[in-house]
C-alpha atoms as a PDB file:
ATOM      1  CA  UNK A   1     -20.384  26.607 -27.550  1.00  0.00           C
ATOM      2  CA  UNK A   2     -19.422  23.033 -28.619  1.00  0.00           C
ATOM      3  CA  UNK A   3     -21.628  20.450 -26.586  1.00  0.00           C
ATOM      4  CA  UNK A   4     -19.825  16.601 -25.273  1.00  0.00           C
ATOM      5  CA  UNK A   5     -21.948  13.816 -25.526  1.00  0.00           C
ATOM      6  CA  UNK A   6     -21.942  11.425 -23.386  1.00  0.00           C
ATOM      7  CA  UNK A   7     -21.862   7.779 -24.943  1.00  0.00           C
ATOM      8  CA  UNK A   8     -22.501   4.916 -22.462  1.00  0.00           C
ATOM      9  CA  UNK A   9     -22.423   1.584 -24.485  1.00  0.00           C
ATOM     10  CA  UNK A  10     -19.464   0.545 -22.861  1.00  0.00           C
ATOM     11  CA  UNK A  11     -18.528   0.028 -19.344  1.00  0.00           C
ATOM     12  CA  UNK A  12     -15.022   0.734 -18.011  1.00  0.00           C
ATOM     13  CA  UNK A  13     -14.949  -2.314 -16.830  1.00  0.00           C
ATOM     14  CA  UNK A  14     -14.937  -3.446 -20.165  1.00  0.00           C
ATOM     15  CA  UNK A  15     -12.647  -1.600 -21.396  1.00  0.00           C
ATOM     16  CA  UNK A  16      -9.733  -1.778 -18.862  1.00  0.00           C
ATOM     17  CA  UNK A  17      -9.290  -5.201 -19.806  1.00  0.00           C
ATOM     18  CA  UNK A  18      -7.603  -4.593 -22.488  1.00  0.00           C
ATOM     19  CA  UNK A  19      -7.654  -0.734 -23.680  1.00  0.00           C
ATOM     20  CA  UNK A  20      -5.380   0.876 -21.188  1.00  0.00           C
ATOM     21  CA  UNK A  21      -4.001   0.726 -17.742  1.00  0.00           C
ATOM     22  CA  UNK A  22      -7.158   0.675 -14.783  1.00  0.00           C
ATOM     23  CA  UNK A  23      -6.376   1.490 -11.562  1.00  0.00           C
ATOM     24  CA  UNK A  24      -8.674   1.066  -8.477  1.00  0.00           C
ATOM     25  CA  UNK A  25      -8.600   3.457  -4.926  1.00  0.00           C
ATOM     26  CA  UNK A  26      -8.778   0.761  -1.912  1.00  0.00           C
ATOM     27  CA  UNK A  27     -11.461   3.570  -0.709  1.00  0.00           C
ATOM     28  CA  UNK A  28     -13.622   2.971  -3.702  1.00  0.00           C
ATOM     29  CA  UNK A  29     -17.187   2.127  -2.604  1.00  0.00           C
ATOM     30  CA  UNK A  30     -19.137  -0.573  -4.414  1.00  0.00           C
ATOM     31  CA  UNK A  31     -21.815   1.616  -5.210  1.00  0.00           C
ATOM     32  CA  UNK A  32     -20.145   2.676  -8.146  1.00  0.00           C
ATOM     33  CA  UNK A  33     -22.375   1.627 -10.798  1.00  0.00           C
ATOM     34  CA  UNK A  34     -20.345   0.861 -14.495  1.00  0.00           C
ATOM     35  CA  UNK A  35     -22.919   2.135 -16.638  1.00  0.00           C
ATOM     36  CA  UNK A  36     -22.179   5.667 -14.490  1.00  0.00           C
ATOM     37  CA  UNK A  37     -18.942   6.002 -15.789  1.00  0.00           C
ATOM     38  CA  UNK A  38     -18.198   8.014 -19.051  1.00  0.00           C
ATOM     39  CA  UNK A  39     -16.214   6.068 -22.003  1.00  0.00           C
ATOM     40  CA  UNK A  40     -17.078   8.337 -24.739  1.00  0.00           C
ATOM     41  CA  UNK A  41     -17.051  12.158 -25.723  1.00  0.00           C
ATOM     42  CA  UNK A  42     -17.693  13.797 -28.732  1.00  0.00           C
ATOM     43  CA  UNK A  43     -14.618  14.924 -30.412  1.00  0.00           C
ATOM     44  CA  UNK A  44     -14.632  18.709 -29.464  1.00  0.00           C
ATOM     45  CA  UNK A  45     -13.192  19.997 -32.883  1.00  0.00           C
ATOM     46  CA  UNK A  46     -12.083  18.599 -36.245  1.00  0.00           C
ATOM     47  CA  UNK A  47      -9.110  20.197 -36.197  1.00  0.00           C
ATOM     48  CA  UNK A  48      -7.722  18.311 -33.208  1.00  0.00           C
ATOM     49  CA  UNK A  49      -7.837  15.059 -35.176  1.00  0.00           C
ATOM     50  CA  UNK A  50      -4.655  13.579 -34.805  1.00  0.00           C
ATOM     51  CA  UNK A  51      -2.902  11.057 -37.643  1.00  0.00           C
ATOM     52  CA  UNK A  52       0.297   8.823 -36.961  1.00  0.00           C
ATOM     53  CA  UNK A  53       1.334   5.436 -37.604  1.00  0.00           C
ATOM     54  CA  UNK A  54       1.747   3.021 -34.966  1.00  0.00           C
ATOM     55  CA  UNK A  55       5.425   3.235 -35.384  1.00  0.00           C
ATOM     56  CA  UNK A  56       5.528   6.784 -35.428  1.00  0.00           C
ATOM     57  CA  UNK A  57       6.418   9.277 -32.605  1.00  0.00           C
ATOM     58  CA  UNK A  58       3.784  10.074 -30.112  1.00  0.00           C
ATOM     59  CA  UNK A  59       1.372  12.971 -30.865  1.00  0.00           C
ATOM     60  CA  UNK A  60       2.067  16.511 -29.022  1.00  0.00           C
ATOM     61  CA  UNK A  61      -0.469  17.533 -26.746  1.00  0.00           C
ATOM     62  CA  UNK A  62      -3.002  19.679 -28.454  1.00  0.00           C
ATOM     63  CA  UNK A  63      -5.917  19.566 -25.623  1.00  0.00           C
ATOM     64  CA  UNK A  64      -7.088  18.723 -22.288  1.00  0.00           C
ATOM     65  CA  UNK A  65     -10.147  19.130 -21.242  1.00  0.00           C
ATOM     66  CA  UNK A  66     -12.955  18.205 -18.516  1.00  0.00           C
ATOM     67  CA  UNK A  67     -15.598  16.015 -20.114  1.00  0.00           C
ATOM     68  CA  UNK A  68     -18.057  14.540 -17.367  1.00  0.00           C
ATOM     69  CA  UNK A  69     -18.467  14.758 -13.971  1.00  0.00           C
ATOM     70  CA  UNK A  70     -19.864  11.829 -11.824  1.00  0.00           C
ATOM     71  CA  UNK A  71     -20.714  11.661  -8.449  1.00  0.00           C
ATOM     72  CA  UNK A  72     -22.766   9.511  -5.752  1.00  0.00           C
ATOM     73  CA  UNK A  73     -25.529  12.463  -5.728  1.00  0.00           C
ATOM     74  CA  UNK A  74     -25.708  13.546  -8.605  1.00  0.00           C
ATOM     75  CA  UNK A  75     -24.933  10.813 -11.467  1.00  0.00           C
ATOM     76  CA  UNK A  76     -22.784  11.927 -14.466  1.00  0.00           C
ATOM     77  CA  UNK A  77     -23.225  15.153 -15.634  1.00  0.00           C
ATOM     78  CA  UNK A  78     -21.591  16.179 -19.190  1.00  0.00           C
ATOM     79  CA  UNK A  79     -19.685  18.876 -18.872  1.00  0.00           C
ATOM     80  CA  UNK A  80     -19.550  21.894 -22.307  1.00  0.00           C
ATOM     81  CA  UNK A  81     -16.994  23.404 -23.735  1.00  0.00           C
ATOM     82  CA  UNK A  82     -16.311  26.990 -21.568  1.00  0.00           C
ATOM     83  CA  UNK A  83     -18.513  25.660 -18.875  1.00  0.00           C
ATOM     84  CA  UNK A  84     -17.424  27.061 -15.601  1.00  0.00           C
ATOM     85  CA  UNK A  85     -18.928  25.210 -13.330  1.00  0.00           C
ATOM     86  CA  UNK A  86     -20.990  22.094 -12.956  1.00  0.00           C
ATOM     87  CA  UNK A  87     -24.746  22.468 -13.147  1.00  0.00           C
ATOM     88  CA  UNK A  88     -25.673  19.854 -10.868  1.00  0.00           C
ATOM     89  CA  UNK A  89     -24.754  19.551  -6.990  1.00  0.00           C
ATOM     90  CA  UNK A  90     -22.660  16.680  -6.569  1.00  0.00           C
ATOM     91  CA  UNK A  91     -21.555  14.829  -3.294  1.00  0.00           C
ATOM     92  CA  UNK A  92     -21.165  11.460  -1.649  1.00  0.00           C
ATOM     93  CA  UNK A  93     -18.702   8.887  -1.412  1.00  0.00           C
ATOM     94  CA  UNK A  94     -17.198   9.330  -4.589  1.00  0.00           C
ATOM     95  CA  UNK A  95     -17.142  12.416  -7.211  1.00  0.00           C
ATOM     96  CA  UNK A  96     -14.927  11.558 -10.001  1.00  0.00           C
ATOM     97  CA  UNK A  97     -13.800  14.140 -12.668  1.00  0.00           C
ATOM     98  CA  UNK A  98     -12.983  12.790 -16.252  1.00  0.00           C
ATOM     99  CA  UNK A  99     -10.391  14.458 -17.613  1.00  0.00           C
ATOM    100  CA  UNK A 100      -9.428  14.042 -21.392  1.00  0.00           C
ATOM    101  CA  UNK A 101      -6.006  15.123 -23.068  1.00  0.00           C
ATOM    102  CA  UNK A 102      -5.711  15.142 -26.447  1.00  0.00           C
ATOM    103  CA  UNK A 103      -2.148  13.978 -27.514  1.00  0.00           C
ATOM    104  CA  UNK A 104       0.545  12.458 -25.173  1.00  0.00           C
ATOM    105  CA  UNK A 105       1.605  14.978 -21.834  1.00  0.00           C
ATOM    106  CA  UNK A 106       4.681  13.850 -19.578  1.00  0.00           C
ATOM    107  CA  UNK A 107       2.057  13.594 -16.716  1.00  0.00           C
ATOM    108  CA  UNK A 108      -0.818  15.062 -15.316  1.00  0.00           C
ATOM    109  CA  UNK A 109      -1.204  17.021 -12.445  1.00  0.00           C
ATOM    110  CA  UNK A 110      -4.587  18.173 -10.790  1.00  0.00           C
ATOM    111  CA  UNK A 111      -5.476  20.298  -8.019  1.00  0.00           C
ATOM    112  CA  UNK A 112      -9.027  20.840  -5.948  1.00  0.00           C
ATOM    113  CA  UNK A 113      -9.416  24.061  -4.040  1.00  0.00           C
ATOM    114  CA  UNK A 114      -5.346  24.747  -4.392  1.00  0.00           C
ATOM    115  CA  UNK A 115      -4.330  21.356  -3.304  1.00  0.00           C
ATOM    116  CA  UNK A 116      -2.565  18.889  -5.348  1.00  0.00           C
ATOM    117  CA  UNK A 117      -4.063  15.493  -5.796  1.00  0.00           C
ATOM    118  CA  UNK A 118      -1.722  12.712  -4.654  1.00  0.00           C
ATOM    119  CA  UNK A 119      -1.643   9.583  -6.790  1.00  0.00           C
ATOM    120  CA  UNK A 120      -4.287   8.105  -4.778  1.00  0.00           C
ATOM    121  CA  UNK A 121      -6.682  10.632  -6.177  1.00  0.00           C
ATOM    122  CA  UNK A 122      -6.010   9.368  -9.712  1.00  0.00           C
ATOM    123  CA  UNK A 123      -8.240   6.321  -9.803  1.00  0.00           C
ATOM    124  CA  UNK A 124      -8.146   5.455 -12.987  1.00  0.00           C
ATOM    125  CA  UNK A 125      -6.160   6.057 -16.542  1.00  0.00           C
ATOM    126  CA  UNK A 126      -7.221   4.660 -19.892  1.00  0.00           C
ATOM    127  CA  UNK A 127      -5.796   5.138 -23.168  1.00  0.00           C
ATOM    128  CA  UNK A 128      -8.234   6.427 -26.163  1.00  0.00           C
ATOM    129  CA  UNK A 129      -8.417   6.513 -29.532  1.00  0.00           C
ATOM    130  CA  UNK A 130     -11.016   8.186 -32.351  1.00  0.00           C
ATOM    131  CA  UNK A 131     -13.614   6.714 -33.832  1.00  0.00           C
ATOM    132  CA  UNK A 132     -17.224   7.698 -35.561  1.00  0.00           C
ATOM    133  CA  UNK A 133     -16.402  11.641 -34.376  1.00  0.00           C
ATOM    134  CA  UNK A 134     -15.947  10.662 -30.667  1.00  0.00           C
ATOM    135  CA  UNK A 135     -13.292   9.868 -28.650  1.00  0.00           C
ATOM    136  CA  UNK A 136     -13.702   6.603 -27.002  1.00  0.00           C
ATOM    137  CA  UNK A 137     -11.859   3.944 -24.480  1.00  0.00           C
ATOM    138  CA  UNK A 138     -13.560   1.650 -26.771  1.00  0.00           C
ATOM    139  CA  UNK A 139     -11.287   1.193 -29.475  1.00  0.00           C
ATOM    140  CA  UNK A 140     -11.883  -0.669 -32.493  1.00  0.00           C
ATOM    141  CA  UNK A 141      -9.167  -3.454 -33.609  1.00  0.00           C
ATOM    142  CA  UNK A 142      -6.630  -1.667 -35.617  1.00  0.00           C
ATOM    143  CA  UNK A 143      -7.031   2.098 -34.003  1.00  0.00           C
ATOM    144  CA  UNK A 144      -4.418   4.301 -32.840  1.00  0.00           C
ATOM    145  CA  UNK A 145      -4.740   5.794 -29.496  1.00  0.00           C
ATOM    146  CA  UNK A 146      -4.741   9.597 -29.181  1.00  0.00           C
ATOM    147  CA  UNK A 147      -4.364  10.371 -25.965  1.00  0.00           C
ATOM    148  CA  UNK A 148      -5.212   9.444 -22.006  1.00  0.00           C
ATOM    149  CA  UNK A 149      -8.465  10.149 -19.969  1.00  0.00           C
ATOM    150  CA  UNK A 150      -7.580  10.569 -16.518  1.00  0.00           C
ATOM    151  CA  UNK A 151     -10.416   9.678 -13.655  1.00  0.00           C
ATOM    152  CA  UNK A 152      -9.678  11.688 -10.602  1.00  0.00           C
ATOM    153  CA  UNK A 153     -11.768  11.290  -7.480  1.00  0.00           C
ATOM    154  CA  UNK A 154     -11.828  14.935  -5.317  1.00  0.00           C
ATOM    155  CA  UNK A 155     -15.150  13.645  -2.662  1.00  0.00           C
ATOM    156  CA  UNK A 156     -12.448  13.553   0.227  1.00  0.00           C
ATOM    157  CA  UNK A 157     -11.670  17.467  -0.780  1.00  0.00           C
ATOM    158  CA  UNK A 158     -14.660  18.724  -1.743  1.00  0.00           C
ATOM    159  CA  UNK A 159     -16.574  17.139   1.517  1.00  0.00           C
ATOM    160  CA  UNK A 160     -13.989  18.178   3.766  1.00  0.00           C
ATOM    161  CA  UNK A 161     -14.307  21.768   2.380  1.00  0.00           C
ATOM    162  CA  UNK A 162     -10.822  22.489   0.647  1.00  0.00           C
ATOM    163  CA  UNK A 163     -12.667  24.259  -1.901  1.00  0.00           C
ATOM    164  CA  UNK A 164     -14.642  23.971  -5.154  1.00  0.00           C
ATOM    165  CA  UNK A 165     -12.835  25.069  -8.047  1.00  0.00           C
ATOM    166  CA  UNK A 166     -10.768  21.836  -9.824  1.00  0.00           C
ATOM    167  CA  UNK A 167      -7.603  22.658 -11.847  1.00  0.00           C
ATOM    168  CA  UNK A 168      -5.563  19.659 -14.169  1.00  0.00           C
ATOM    169  CA  UNK A 169      -2.816  20.577 -16.558  1.00  0.00           C
ATOM    170  CA  UNK A 170      -0.114  18.947 -18.281  1.00  0.00           C
ATOM    171  CA  UNK A 171       2.962  19.821 -20.730  1.00  0.00           C
ATOM    172  CA  UNK A 172       3.244  17.995 -24.089  1.00  0.00           C
ATOM    173  CA  UNK A 173       5.525  14.787 -23.871  1.00  0.00           C
ATOM    174  CA  UNK A 174       6.891  15.958 -27.421  1.00  0.00           C
ATOM    175  CA  UNK A 175       7.881  18.915 -29.059  1.00  0.00           C
ATOM    176  CA  UNK A 176       6.967  21.700 -28.803  1.00  0.00           C
ATOM    177  CA  UNK A 177       6.244  20.958 -25.395  1.00  0.00           C
ATOM    178  CA  UNK A 178       3.197  23.229 -24.730  1.00  0.00           C
ATOM    179  CA  UNK A 179       1.348  23.127 -21.481  1.00  0.00           C
ATOM    180  CA  UNK A 180      -2.204  23.050 -21.431  1.00  0.00           C
ATOM    181  CA  UNK A 181      -4.562  23.007 -18.529  1.00  0.00           C
ATOM    182  CA  UNK A 182      -8.540  22.948 -17.753  1.00  0.00           C
ATOM    183  CA  UNK A 183     -10.477  24.258 -14.806  1.00  0.00           C
ATOM    184  CA  UNK A 184     -14.303  23.666 -13.474  1.00  0.00           C
ATOM    185  CA  UNK A 185     -15.893  24.704 -10.372  1.00  0.00           C
ATOM    186  CA  UNK A 186     -17.652  21.657  -8.802  1.00  0.00           C
ATOM    187  CA  UNK A 187     -20.403  22.643  -7.035  1.00  0.00           C
ATOM    188  CA  UNK A 188     -21.502  20.818  -3.833  1.00  0.00           C
END
């Protein structure tokens, strides 16, 4: 089983200043600690490495996975490849699910308990690159972005008993137009 490592050396606040598109929700509470937000995960497989030139076409989508779940009550939990449910009990004013997409999709959709999440629940979208065996939003100068990190806040759906199953999917924006998906049961 491949393990994803969490590297907390850089906060999302620092990386959103020049790395990606940061969106914040008006319902976001101040108790969210920047050091809780994951900014890197170990690459799940060396075969997923993508090499493109800055002037080349976008790389196709090759992988979609949940790397972390962070909440007010449980902190951040790393999610391993093949893990079907969280090990920790999550709850509180925020429950953030971090979905890593390697390659470029045409727009991720997510569901919690079978309900499609609206764009207001997408609280962050960050470009990431590959650096030192990790996918990271803290990209060294001259790096090529290889995908997107989506941050979904599902607290409303979980706390109101809409269901525990989180699911996300996307279709590659370029040939071969494959669709990838991931799911995770969030214990609460």
